Amino acid sequence: MFTVIMIMLAGICAGLLTKGRLATLIGRTITVLIWLLLFLLGLEVGGNPSVTGSIGSLGIEAFIMAVAGVSGSSVAAWALYKYVKVKEKKA
């Protein structure tokens, strides 16, 4: 934990010393590193037999959660719309 905090503090100090002179280079570097991390995450997930073996059930669960989320949000938005309309008519 101490190592992580020290690395963070070193990054803060480096950022204070450069004051944005390296912003474009750092931004591009961060973007490339994020792409690399996503690729490695996909490589790890693809190589895990327990994940790839249950991809069908994971897809069904994800679909059900997405439909439930959209439905719940739609019902809540409709109820809020009705509530606001009633308040406008009284005012």
C-alpha atoms as a PDB file:
ATOM      1  CA  MET A   1       0.000   0.000   0.000  1.00  0.00           C
ATOM      2  CA  PHE A   2       2.855   2.327   0.824  1.00  0.00           C
ATOM      3  CA  THR A   3       4.354   1.718  -2.617  1.00  0.00           C
ATOM      4  CA  VAL A   4       1.106   2.662  -4.364  1.00  0.00           C
ATOM      5  CA  ILE A   5       0.806   5.886  -2.370  1.00  0.00           C
ATOM      6  CA  MET A   6       4.423   6.809  -3.095  1.00  0.00           C
ATOM      7  CA  ILE A   7       3.951   6.207  -6.835  1.00  0.00           C
ATOM      8  CA  MET A   8       0.833   8.393  -6.761  1.00  0.00           C
ATOM      9  CA  LEU A   9       2.684  11.163  -4.937  1.00  0.00           C
ATOM     10  CA  ALA A  10       5.552  10.932  -7.427  1.00  0.00           C
ATOM     11  CA  GLY A  11       3.059  11.342 -10.270  1.00  0.00           C
ATOM     12  CA  ILE A  12       1.499  14.367  -8.579  1.00  0.00           C
ATOM     13  CA  CYS A  13       4.933  15.943  -8.119  1.00  0.00           C
ATOM     14  CA  ALA A  14       5.854  15.256 -11.750  1.00  0.00           C
ATOM     15  CA  GLY A  15       2.563  16.826 -12.868  1.00  0.00           C
ATOM     16  CA  LEU A  16       3.195  19.912 -10.782  1.00  0.00           C
ATOM     17  CA  LEU A  17       6.697  20.287 -12.200  1.00  0.00           C
ATOM     18  CA  THR A  18       5.676  19.963 -15.862  1.00  0.00           C
ATOM     19  CA  LYS A  19       2.511  22.132 -15.522  1.00  0.00           C
ATOM     20  CA  GLY A  20       0.821  20.800 -18.654  1.00  0.00           C
ATOM     21  CA  ARG A  21       3.799  20.991 -21.026  1.00  0.00           C
ATOM     22  CA  LEU A  22       3.523  17.263 -21.703  1.00  0.00           C
ATOM     23  CA  ALA A  23      -0.283  17.114 -21.730  1.00  0.00           C
ATOM     24  CA  THR A  24      -0.709  15.941 -25.340  1.00  0.00           C
ATOM     25  CA  LEU A  25       2.016  13.314 -25.043  1.00  0.00           C
ATOM     26  CA  ILE A  26       0.636  12.047 -21.745  1.00  0.00           C
ATOM     27  CA  GLY A  27      -2.921  11.965 -23.123  1.00  0.00           C
ATOM     28  CA  ARG A  28      -1.888   9.882 -26.109  1.00  0.00           C
ATOM     29  CA  THR A  29       0.178   7.570 -23.911  1.00  0.00           C
ATOM     30  CA  ILE A  30      -2.743   7.018 -21.549  1.00  0.00           C
ATOM     31  CA  THR A  31      -5.040   6.231 -24.486  1.00  0.00           C
ATOM     32  CA  VAL A  32      -2.616   3.628 -25.852  1.00  0.00           C
ATOM     33  CA  LEU A  33      -2.158   2.086 -22.403  1.00  0.00           C
ATOM     34  CA  ILE A  34      -5.934   1.836 -21.906  1.00  0.00           C
ATOM     35  CA  TRP A  35      -6.252   0.074 -25.274  1.00  0.00           C
ATOM     36  CA  LEU A  36      -3.478  -2.300 -24.232  1.00  0.00           C
ATOM     37  CA  LEU A  37      -5.180  -3.025 -20.894  1.00  0.00           C
ATOM     38  CA  LEU A  38      -8.501  -3.714 -22.626  1.00  0.00           C
ATOM     39  CA  PHE A  39      -6.800  -6.062 -25.071  1.00  0.00           C
ATOM     40  CA  LEU A  40      -5.066  -7.921 -22.238  1.00  0.00           C
ATOM     41  CA  LEU A  41      -8.337  -8.140 -20.319  1.00  0.00           C
ATOM     42  CA  GLY A  42     -10.025  -9.650 -23.378  1.00  0.00           C
ATOM     43  CA  LEU A  43      -7.121 -12.060 -23.766  1.00  0.00           C
ATOM     44  CA  GLU A  44      -7.477 -13.141 -20.143  1.00  0.00           C
ATOM     45  CA  VAL A  45     -11.262 -13.555 -20.386  1.00  0.00           C
ATOM     46  CA  GLY A  46     -10.984 -15.449 -23.687  1.00  0.00           C
ATOM     47  CA  GLY A  47      -8.437 -17.806 -22.200  1.00  0.00           C
ATOM     48  CA  ASN A  48     -10.561 -18.611 -19.146  1.00  0.00           C
ATOM     49  CA  PRO A  49     -12.545 -21.813 -19.859  1.00  0.00           C
ATOM     50  CA  SER A  50     -15.117 -21.165 -17.124  1.00  0.00           C
ATOM     51  CA  VAL A  51     -16.060 -17.817 -18.685  1.00  0.00           C
ATOM     52  CA  THR A  52     -16.105 -19.024 -22.281  1.00  0.00           C
ATOM     53  CA  GLY A  53     -18.067 -22.114 -21.282  1.00  0.00           C
ATOM     54  CA  SER A  54     -20.864 -20.087 -19.717  1.00  0.00           C
ATOM     55  CA  ILE A  55     -21.020 -17.298 -22.303  1.00  0.00           C
ATOM     56  CA  GLY A  56     -24.546 -18.308 -23.308  1.00  0.00           C
ATOM     57  CA  SER A  57     -26.024 -17.931 -19.858  1.00  0.00           C
ATOM     58  CA  LEU A  58     -24.058 -14.716 -19.311  1.00  0.00           C
ATOM     59  CA  GLY A  59     -25.571 -13.283 -22.490  1.00  0.00           C
ATOM     60  CA  ILE A  60     -29.096 -14.174 -21.393  1.00  0.00           C
ATOM     61  CA  GLU A  61     -28.552 -12.641 -17.959  1.00  0.00           C
ATOM     62  CA  ALA A  62     -27.116  -9.473 -19.523  1.00  0.00           C
ATOM     63  CA  PHE A  63     -30.121  -9.217 -21.872  1.00  0.00           C
ATOM     64  CA  ILE A  64     -32.590  -9.640 -19.010  1.00  0.00           C
ATOM     65  CA  MET A  65     -30.799  -7.003 -16.944  1.00  0.00           C
ATOM     66  CA  ALA A  66     -30.744  -4.575 -19.871  1.00  0.00           C
ATOM     67  CA  VAL A  67     -34.466  -5.038 -20.569  1.00  0.00           C
ATOM     68  CA  ALA A  68     -35.295  -4.672 -16.874  1.00  0.00           C
ATOM     69  CA  GLY A  69     -33.196  -1.505 -16.611  1.00  0.00           C
ATOM     70  CA  VAL A  70     -34.755   0.116 -19.657  1.00  0.00           C
ATOM     71  CA  SER A  71     -38.258  -0.893 -18.563  1.00  0.00           C
ATOM     72  CA  GLY A  72     -37.763   0.406 -15.040  1.00  0.00           C
ATOM     73  CA  SER A  73     -36.331   3.686 -16.294  1.00  0.00           C
ATOM     74  CA  SER A  74     -39.214   4.106 -18.740  1.00  0.00           C
ATOM     75  CA  VAL A  75     -41.835   3.479 -16.060  1.00  0.00           C
ATOM     76  CA  ALA A  76     -40.111   5.890 -13.667  1.00  0.00           C
ATOM     77  CA  ALA A  77     -39.853   8.573 -16.370  1.00  0.00           C
ATOM     78  CA  TRP A  78     -43.529   8.137 -17.268  1.00  0.00           C
ATOM     79  CA  ALA A  79     -44.564   8.380 -13.598  1.00  0.00           C
ATOM     80  CA  LEU A  80     -42.451  11.516 -13.126  1.00  0.00           C
ATOM     81  CA  TYR A  81     -43.948  13.053 -16.264  1.00  0.00           C
ATOM     82  CA  LYS A  82     -47.484  12.391 -15.002  1.00  0.00           C
ATOM     83  CA  TYR A  83     -46.597  13.804 -11.569  1.00  0.00           C
ATOM     84  CA  VAL A  84     -45.146  16.995 -13.076  1.00  0.00           C
ATOM     85  CA  LYS A  85     -48.133  17.441 -15.398  1.00  0.00           C
ATOM     86  CA  VAL A  86     -50.535  17.187 -12.438  1.00  0.00           C
ATOM     87  CA  LYS A  87     -48.508  19.801 -10.537  1.00  0.00           C
ATOM     88  CA  GLU A  88     -48.569  22.141 -13.582  1.00  0.00           C
ATOM     89  CA  LYS A  89     -52.343  21.878 -13.924  1.00  0.00           C
ATOM     90  CA  LYS A  90     -52.843  22.824 -10.253  1.00  0.00           C
ATOM     91  CA  ALA A  91     -50.535  25.831 -10.512  1.00  0.00           C
END
